[in-house]
N, C-alpha and C. Protein backbone atom coordinates (compact mmCIF):
# COMPACT_ATOMS: atom_id res chain seq x y z
N MET A 1 97.11 77.10 57.59
CA MET A 1 96.83 75.58 57.71
C MET A 1 96.05 75.36 59.00
N ILE A 2 95.05 74.50 58.91
CA ILE A 2 94.22 74.10 60.04
C ILE A 2 94.52 72.76 60.34
N ALA A 3 94.93 72.46 61.66
CA ALA A 3 95.23 71.07 62.07
C ALA A 3 94.01 70.50 62.68
N LEU A 4 93.57 69.37 62.19
CA LEU A 4 92.44 68.67 62.72
C LEU A 4 92.79 67.30 63.23
N SER A 5 92.13 66.91 64.33
CA SER A 5 92.32 65.62 64.86
C SER A 5 91.62 64.60 63.88
N ASP A 6 91.96 63.37 64.11
CA ASP A 6 91.26 62.30 63.35
C ASP A 6 89.74 62.40 63.47
N GLN A 7 89.26 62.56 64.73
CA GLN A 7 87.81 62.74 64.97
C GLN A 7 87.23 63.94 64.19
N GLN A 8 87.95 65.06 64.26
CA GLN A 8 87.50 66.33 63.59
C GLN A 8 87.49 66.07 62.11
N LEU A 9 88.48 65.35 61.54
CA LEU A 9 88.48 65.12 60.11
C LEU A 9 87.45 64.20 59.72
N GLU A 10 87.02 63.32 60.56
CA GLU A 10 85.91 62.40 60.27
C GLU A 10 84.58 63.10 60.22
N ILE A 11 84.44 64.15 61.10
CA ILE A 11 83.20 65.07 61.15
C ILE A 11 83.08 65.70 59.75
N VAL A 12 84.22 66.28 59.33
CA VAL A 12 84.16 67.15 58.11
C VAL A 12 83.90 66.09 56.88
N MET A 13 84.56 65.02 56.85
CA MET A 13 84.44 64.12 55.70
C MET A 13 83.00 63.51 55.63
N SER A 14 82.46 63.22 56.87
CA SER A 14 81.10 62.66 56.92
C SER A 14 80.07 63.67 56.43
N LEU A 15 80.32 64.94 56.59
CA LEU A 15 79.38 66.01 56.09
C LEU A 15 79.68 66.29 54.60
N ALA A 16 80.88 66.05 54.21
CA ALA A 16 81.27 66.19 52.75
C ALA A 16 80.66 65.11 51.87
N GLN A 17 80.60 63.89 52.39
CA GLN A 17 80.22 62.73 51.65
C GLN A 17 78.93 62.80 50.88
N PRO A 18 77.85 63.34 51.43
CA PRO A 18 76.59 63.43 50.69
C PRO A 18 76.55 64.43 49.51
N LEU A 19 77.54 65.29 49.50
CA LEU A 19 77.58 66.29 48.50
C LEU A 19 78.18 65.78 47.14
N PRO A 20 77.67 66.25 46.06
CA PRO A 20 78.29 65.81 44.76
C PRO A 20 79.82 66.23 44.82
N ARG A 21 80.66 65.45 44.13
CA ARG A 21 82.06 65.66 44.06
C ARG A 21 82.42 67.16 43.70
N TRP A 22 81.66 67.66 42.85
CA TRP A 22 81.95 69.02 42.33
C TRP A 22 81.56 70.13 43.37
N GLN A 23 80.98 69.77 44.42
CA GLN A 23 80.69 70.79 45.45
C GLN A 23 81.59 70.59 46.67
N ARG A 24 82.39 69.60 46.77
CA ARG A 24 83.14 69.28 47.88
C ARG A 24 84.34 70.26 48.11
N ASP A 25 84.88 70.81 47.05
CA ASP A 25 85.93 71.79 47.28
C ASP A 25 85.33 73.07 47.84
N GLN A 26 84.14 73.49 47.30
CA GLN A 26 83.52 74.62 47.85
C GLN A 26 83.24 74.40 49.47
N PHE A 27 82.64 73.20 49.73
CA PHE A 27 82.39 72.92 51.09
C PHE A 27 83.69 72.94 51.98
N LEU A 28 84.80 72.39 51.57
CA LEU A 28 85.94 72.38 52.28
C LEU A 28 86.48 73.84 52.53
N GLN A 29 86.36 74.63 51.47
CA GLN A 29 86.81 76.06 51.61
C GLN A 29 85.95 76.83 52.54
N ALA A 30 84.60 76.50 52.57
CA ALA A 30 83.67 77.13 53.44
C ALA A 30 84.05 76.77 54.90
N VAL A 31 84.34 75.45 55.16
CA VAL A 31 84.70 74.97 56.42
C VAL A 31 85.98 75.74 56.97
N ALA A 32 86.97 75.85 56.06
CA ALA A 32 88.26 76.48 56.45
C ALA A 32 87.92 77.91 56.76
N ARG A 33 87.21 78.64 56.03
CA ARG A 33 86.76 80.02 56.32
C ARG A 33 86.21 80.12 57.74
N ARG A 34 85.30 79.24 58.04
CA ARG A 34 84.69 79.29 59.30
C ARG A 34 85.59 78.99 60.46
N LEU A 35 86.63 78.14 60.34
CA LEU A 35 87.49 77.79 61.29
C LEU A 35 88.69 78.71 61.43
N ALA A 36 88.90 79.62 60.50
CA ALA A 36 90.10 80.54 60.51
C ALA A 36 89.92 81.40 61.73
N GLY A 37 90.90 81.42 62.53
CA GLY A 37 91.09 82.43 63.64
C GLY A 37 90.22 81.98 64.85
N VAL A 38 89.70 80.78 64.96
CA VAL A 38 88.88 80.42 66.13
C VAL A 38 89.57 79.23 66.69
N GLU A 39 89.25 78.99 68.02
CA GLU A 39 89.84 77.80 68.73
C GLU A 39 89.12 76.65 68.16
N VAL A 40 89.78 75.57 67.63
CA VAL A 40 89.26 74.48 66.97
C VAL A 40 89.03 73.37 68.00
N GLY A 41 87.77 72.99 68.11
CA GLY A 41 87.34 71.82 68.97
C GLY A 41 86.41 70.97 68.18
N ASP A 42 86.02 69.86 68.72
CA ASP A 42 85.01 69.00 68.03
C ASP A 42 83.71 69.74 67.71
N GLY A 43 83.20 70.51 68.67
CA GLY A 43 82.01 71.13 68.44
C GLY A 43 82.12 72.22 67.46
N THR A 44 83.20 72.98 67.54
CA THR A 44 83.40 74.05 66.55
C THR A 44 83.53 73.51 65.17
N VAL A 45 84.19 72.39 64.99
CA VAL A 45 84.37 71.82 63.68
C VAL A 45 83.04 71.34 63.14
N HIS A 46 82.16 70.71 64.00
CA HIS A 46 80.90 70.16 63.60
C HIS A 46 79.90 71.36 63.18
N ALA A 47 79.95 72.47 63.95
CA ALA A 47 79.17 73.65 63.64
C ALA A 47 79.61 74.34 62.33
N ALA A 48 80.96 74.29 62.18
CA ALA A 48 81.38 74.90 60.87
C ALA A 48 81.09 74.05 59.71
N ALA A 49 81.21 72.76 59.87
CA ALA A 49 80.88 71.86 58.74
C ALA A 49 79.46 71.82 58.43
N VAL A 50 78.55 71.84 59.39
CA VAL A 50 77.12 71.91 59.18
C VAL A 50 76.67 73.16 58.45
N ALA A 51 77.31 74.30 58.94
CA ALA A 51 77.03 75.58 58.25
C ALA A 51 77.54 75.63 56.84
N ALA A 52 78.72 75.09 56.64
CA ALA A 52 79.29 75.08 55.35
C ALA A 52 78.48 74.24 54.37
N GLN A 53 78.06 72.98 54.86
CA GLN A 53 77.13 72.14 54.07
C GLN A 53 75.92 72.87 53.76
N ARG A 54 75.29 73.52 54.61
CA ARG A 54 74.04 74.29 54.37
C ARG A 54 74.35 75.40 53.26
N GLU A 55 75.52 76.08 53.42
CA GLU A 55 75.82 77.13 52.45
C GLU A 55 76.02 76.59 51.05
N VAL A 56 76.59 75.49 50.93
CA VAL A 56 76.88 74.91 49.61
C VAL A 56 75.61 74.38 48.98
N VAL A 57 74.84 73.70 49.86
CA VAL A 57 73.44 73.13 49.31
C VAL A 57 72.63 74.22 48.86
N ASN A 58 72.51 75.30 49.64
CA ASN A 58 71.75 76.39 49.27
C ASN A 58 72.26 77.36 48.08
N GLY A 59 73.48 77.13 47.76
CA GLY A 59 74.06 77.74 46.63
C GLY A 59 74.79 79.10 46.96
N SER A 60 74.81 79.49 48.25
CA SER A 60 75.41 80.75 48.49
C SER A 60 76.96 80.71 48.42
N ALA A 61 77.59 79.52 48.47
CA ALA A 61 79.10 79.45 48.30
C ALA A 61 79.45 79.87 46.94
N SER A 62 78.60 79.61 46.01
CA SER A 62 78.96 80.10 44.57
C SER A 62 78.83 81.59 44.39
N ARG A 63 78.17 82.23 45.25
CA ARG A 63 77.93 83.62 45.00
C ARG A 63 79.05 84.52 45.73
N ARG A 64 79.89 83.89 46.49
CA ARG A 64 80.94 84.59 47.32
C ARG A 64 82.07 84.79 46.49
């Protein structure tokens, strides 16, 4: 389980919002993968969410 602050959750949700609903689960799983085992801070969460969004939009999440 990854504990996020309200600010960090807002970062993740704001980057999930533009995605179609059917891609949001893939997005959240990609964020969680990137945050596993790292020190979680606002910058780390933002970077993970941006990378996850890019992954999902480009379709690489469905190939993993």
